[in-house]
Amino acid sequence: MCHVLVIEDDFLIADHIIQLIERAGGTSFDQAASQDEAIDAARLRPPSIILSDVNLSAGTGPAAVEAIILEHGPTPVIFVTGTREACYLSRPSMIVLDKPINEQALIAAFQSLAPA
């Protein structure tokens, strides 16, 4: 079972990501539009993997991811962003992809990082 947390404040982009990841093997999903929503969602159900934008309408993806990792331990992360330079986190199980979304690259990144 692979539970995915998608942190994205644009509903259409989040929905598109969820559809792609579901095809790639994601089995359950939570969606958060802000930093606080993401942290709360992870507290209710810790994710197996996180897909996050960097800039959110309230807070940032990297700050949410950092808080989640500090609370729940190492978690694979894929940042999907139009502002790569604002993605200041760097860990071994972290990939940064650019927007617009390259569907094949996103699926490949998910399959390489997602727990079996």
C-alpha atoms as a PDB file:
ATOM      1  CA  MET A   1       0.000   0.000   0.000  1.00  0.00           C
ATOM      2  CA  CYS A   2       1.428   3.357  -1.046  1.00  0.00           C
ATOM      3  CA  HIS A   3      -0.200   6.368   0.585  1.00  0.00           C
ATOM      4  CA  VAL A   4       0.614   9.617  -1.246  1.00  0.00           C
ATOM      5  CA  LEU A   5       0.385  13.178   0.070  1.00  0.00           C
ATOM      6  CA  VAL A   6       0.011  15.735  -2.736  1.00  0.00           C
ATOM      7  CA  ILE A   7       0.769  19.296  -1.628  1.00  0.00           C
ATOM      8  CA  GLU A   8      -0.477  21.634  -4.366  1.00  0.00           C
ATOM      9  CA  ASP A   9      -2.671  24.728  -4.128  1.00  0.00           C
ATOM     10  CA  ASP A  10      -3.990  24.501  -7.697  1.00  0.00           C
ATOM     11  CA  PHE A  11      -6.815  21.950  -7.636  1.00  0.00           C
ATOM     12  CA  LEU A  12      -6.539  21.064 -11.342  1.00  0.00           C
ATOM     13  CA  ILE A  13      -2.806  20.400 -11.118  1.00  0.00           C
ATOM     14  CA  ALA A  14      -3.267  18.363  -7.929  1.00  0.00           C
ATOM     15  CA  ASP A  15      -5.999  16.309  -9.587  1.00  0.00           C
ATOM     16  CA  HIS A  16      -3.781  15.701 -12.629  1.00  0.00           C
ATOM     17  CA  ILE A  17      -0.897  14.570 -10.402  1.00  0.00           C
ATOM     18  CA  ILE A  18      -3.183  12.221  -8.475  1.00  0.00           C
ATOM     19  CA  GLN A  19      -4.468  10.662 -11.710  1.00  0.00           C
ATOM     20  CA  LEU A  20      -0.907  10.079 -12.934  1.00  0.00           C
ATOM     21  CA  ILE A  21       0.295   8.635  -9.636  1.00  0.00           C
ATOM     22  CA  GLU A  22      -2.739   6.384  -9.364  1.00  0.00           C
ATOM     23  CA  ARG A  23      -1.802   4.894 -12.749  1.00  0.00           C
ATOM     24  CA  ALA A  24       1.779   4.500 -11.487  1.00  0.00           C
ATOM     25  CA  GLY A  25       0.804   2.547  -8.377  1.00  0.00           C
ATOM     26  CA  GLY A  26      -0.346   4.995  -5.716  1.00  0.00           C
ATOM     27  CA  THR A  27      -3.136   3.373  -3.735  1.00  0.00           C
ATOM     28  CA  SER A  28      -4.470   6.161  -1.492  1.00  0.00           C
ATOM     29  CA  PHE A  29      -4.164   9.916  -1.505  1.00  0.00           C
ATOM     30  CA  ASP A  30      -4.461  13.018   0.621  1.00  0.00           C
ATOM     31  CA  GLN A  31      -4.423  16.453  -0.923  1.00  0.00           C
ATOM     32  CA  ALA A  32      -3.340  19.632   0.848  1.00  0.00           C
ATOM     33  CA  ALA A  33      -3.389  23.179  -0.504  1.00  0.00           C
ATOM     34  CA  SER A  34      -1.327  24.846   2.236  1.00  0.00           C
ATOM     35  CA  GLN A  35       1.618  24.180   4.507  1.00  0.00           C
ATOM     36  CA  ASP A  36      -0.583  23.720   7.583  1.00  0.00           C
ATOM     37  CA  GLU A  37      -3.046  21.440   5.759  1.00  0.00           C
ATOM     38  CA  ALA A  38      -0.138  19.246   4.633  1.00  0.00           C
ATOM     39  CA  ILE A  39       1.276  18.916   8.150  1.00  0.00           C
ATOM     40  CA  ASP A  40      -2.178  18.126   9.545  1.00  0.00           C
ATOM     41  CA  ALA A  41      -2.850  15.536   6.815  1.00  0.00           C
ATOM     42  CA  ALA A  42       0.468  13.813   7.557  1.00  0.00           C
ATOM     43  CA  ARG A  43      -0.396  13.680  11.260  1.00  0.00           C
ATOM     44  CA  LEU A  44      -3.677  11.942  10.488  1.00  0.00           C
ATOM     45  CA  ARG A  45      -2.089   9.521   8.028  1.00  0.00           C
ATOM     46  CA  PRO A  46       1.685   9.573   7.479  1.00  0.00           C
ATOM     47  CA  PRO A  47       2.494   9.397   3.768  1.00  0.00           C
ATOM     48  CA  SER A  48       4.664   6.782   2.079  1.00  0.00           C
ATOM     49  CA  ILE A  49       5.755   9.477  -0.393  1.00  0.00           C
ATOM     50  CA  ILE A  50       5.113  13.217  -0.831  1.00  0.00           C
ATOM     51  CA  LEU A  51       4.626  15.141  -4.070  1.00  0.00           C
ATOM     52  CA  SER A  52       4.778  18.873  -3.475  1.00  0.00           C
ATOM     53  CA  ASP A  53       4.804  22.230  -5.172  1.00  0.00           C
ATOM     54  CA  VAL A  54       7.237  24.762  -3.715  1.00  0.00           C
ATOM     55  CA  ASN A  55       5.168  27.960  -3.560  1.00  0.00           C
ATOM     56  CA  LEU A  56       1.756  27.618  -1.966  1.00  0.00           C
ATOM     57  CA  SER A  57      -0.951  30.192  -1.326  1.00  0.00           C
ATOM     58  CA  ALA A  58      -0.254  29.768   2.408  1.00  0.00           C
ATOM     59  CA  GLY A  59       3.260  28.668   3.334  1.00  0.00           C
ATOM     60  CA  THR A  60       5.693  26.633   1.260  1.00  0.00           C
ATOM     61  CA  GLY A  61       6.075  23.038   0.208  1.00  0.00           C
ATOM     62  CA  PRO A  62       9.664  22.739   1.464  1.00  0.00           C
ATOM     63  CA  ALA A  63       8.655  24.008   4.927  1.00  0.00           C
ATOM     64  CA  ALA A  64       5.761  21.523   5.047  1.00  0.00           C
ATOM     65  CA  VAL A  65       8.007  18.673   3.906  1.00  0.00           C
ATOM     66  CA  GLU A  66      10.681  19.556   6.464  1.00  0.00           C
ATOM     67  CA  ALA A  67       8.111  19.584   9.278  1.00  0.00           C
ATOM     68  CA  ILE A  68       6.662  16.253   8.136  1.00  0.00           C
ATOM     69  CA  ILE A  69      10.098  14.619   7.918  1.00  0.00           C
ATOM     70  CA  LEU A  70      11.079  15.946  11.357  1.00  0.00           C
ATOM     71  CA  GLU A  71       7.893  14.493  12.838  1.00  0.00           C
ATOM     72  CA  HIS A  72       7.610  11.208  10.919  1.00  0.00           C
ATOM     73  CA  GLY A  73      11.127  10.403   9.745  1.00  0.00           C
ATOM     74  CA  PRO A  74      12.645  10.074   6.286  1.00  0.00           C
ATOM     75  CA  THR A  75      10.062  10.171   3.503  1.00  0.00           C
ATOM     76  CA  PRO A  76      10.671  10.183  -0.257  1.00  0.00           C
ATOM     77  CA  VAL A  77       9.731  13.520  -1.865  1.00  0.00           C
ATOM     78  CA  ILE A  78       9.132  14.708  -5.405  1.00  0.00           C
ATOM     79  CA  PHE A  79       8.894  18.464  -5.839  1.00  0.00           C
ATOM     80  CA  VAL A  80       6.952  19.503  -8.937  1.00  0.00           C
ATOM     81  CA  THR A  81       7.521  23.223  -9.342  1.00  0.00           C
ATOM     82  CA  GLY A  82       7.913  26.178 -11.622  1.00  0.00           C
ATOM     83  CA  THR A  83      10.441  27.652  -9.193  1.00  0.00           C
ATOM     84  CA  ARG A  84      13.211  25.077  -8.891  1.00  0.00           C
ATOM     85  CA  GLU A  85      15.566  27.657  -7.368  1.00  0.00           C
ATOM     86  CA  ALA A  86      13.211  28.095  -4.402  1.00  0.00           C
ATOM     87  CA  CYS A  87      13.481  24.401  -3.520  1.00  0.00           C
ATOM     88  CA  TYR A  88      16.112  24.574  -0.796  1.00  0.00           C
ATOM     89  CA  LEU A  89      15.787  21.037   0.576  1.00  0.00           C
ATOM     90  CA  SER A  90      18.144  18.371  -0.631  1.00  0.00           C
ATOM     91  CA  ARG A  91      18.068  14.791   0.593  1.00  0.00           C
ATOM     92  CA  PRO A  92      19.004  11.485  -1.060  1.00  0.00           C
ATOM     93  CA  SER A  93      15.370  10.460  -1.563  1.00  0.00           C
ATOM     94  CA  MET A  94      14.302  13.772  -3.119  1.00  0.00           C
ATOM     95  CA  ILE A  95      13.743  14.669  -6.770  1.00  0.00           C
ATOM     96  CA  VAL A  96      12.871  18.079  -8.246  1.00  0.00           C
ATOM     97  CA  LEU A  97      10.838  18.163 -11.473  1.00  0.00           C
ATOM     98  CA  ASP A  98       9.865  21.257 -13.433  1.00  0.00           C
ATOM     99  CA  LYS A  99       6.419  22.470 -14.419  1.00  0.00           C
ATOM    100  CA  PRO A 100       4.770  22.115 -16.822  1.00  0.00           C
ATOM    101  CA  ILE A 101       4.476  18.496 -15.787  1.00  0.00           C
ATOM    102  CA  ASN A 102       6.246  15.925 -17.911  1.00  0.00           C
ATOM    103  CA  GLU A 103       3.974  12.948 -17.306  1.00  0.00           C
ATOM    104  CA  GLN A 104       6.582  10.286 -18.123  1.00  0.00           C
ATOM    105  CA  ALA A 105       9.212  11.923 -15.911  1.00  0.00           C
ATOM    106  CA  LEU A 106       6.758  12.195 -13.012  1.00  0.00           C
ATOM    107  CA  ILE A 107       5.689   8.561 -13.300  1.00  0.00           C
ATOM    108  CA  ALA A 108       9.315   7.400 -13.555  1.00  0.00           C
ATOM    109  CA  ALA A 109      10.343   9.487 -10.529  1.00  0.00           C
ATOM    110  CA  PHE A 110       7.414   8.133  -8.512  1.00  0.00           C
ATOM    111  CA  GLN A 111       8.197   4.550  -9.422  1.00  0.00           C
ATOM    112  CA  SER A 112      11.865   5.012  -8.513  1.00  0.00           C
ATOM    113  CA  LEU A 113      11.140   6.483  -5.062  1.00  0.00           C
ATOM    114  CA  ALA A 114       7.850   4.931  -3.951  1.00  0.00           C
ATOM    115  CA  PRO A 115       8.078   2.112  -1.452  1.00  0.00           C
ATOM    116  CA  ALA A 116       7.294  -1.277  -2.995  1.00  0.00           C
END
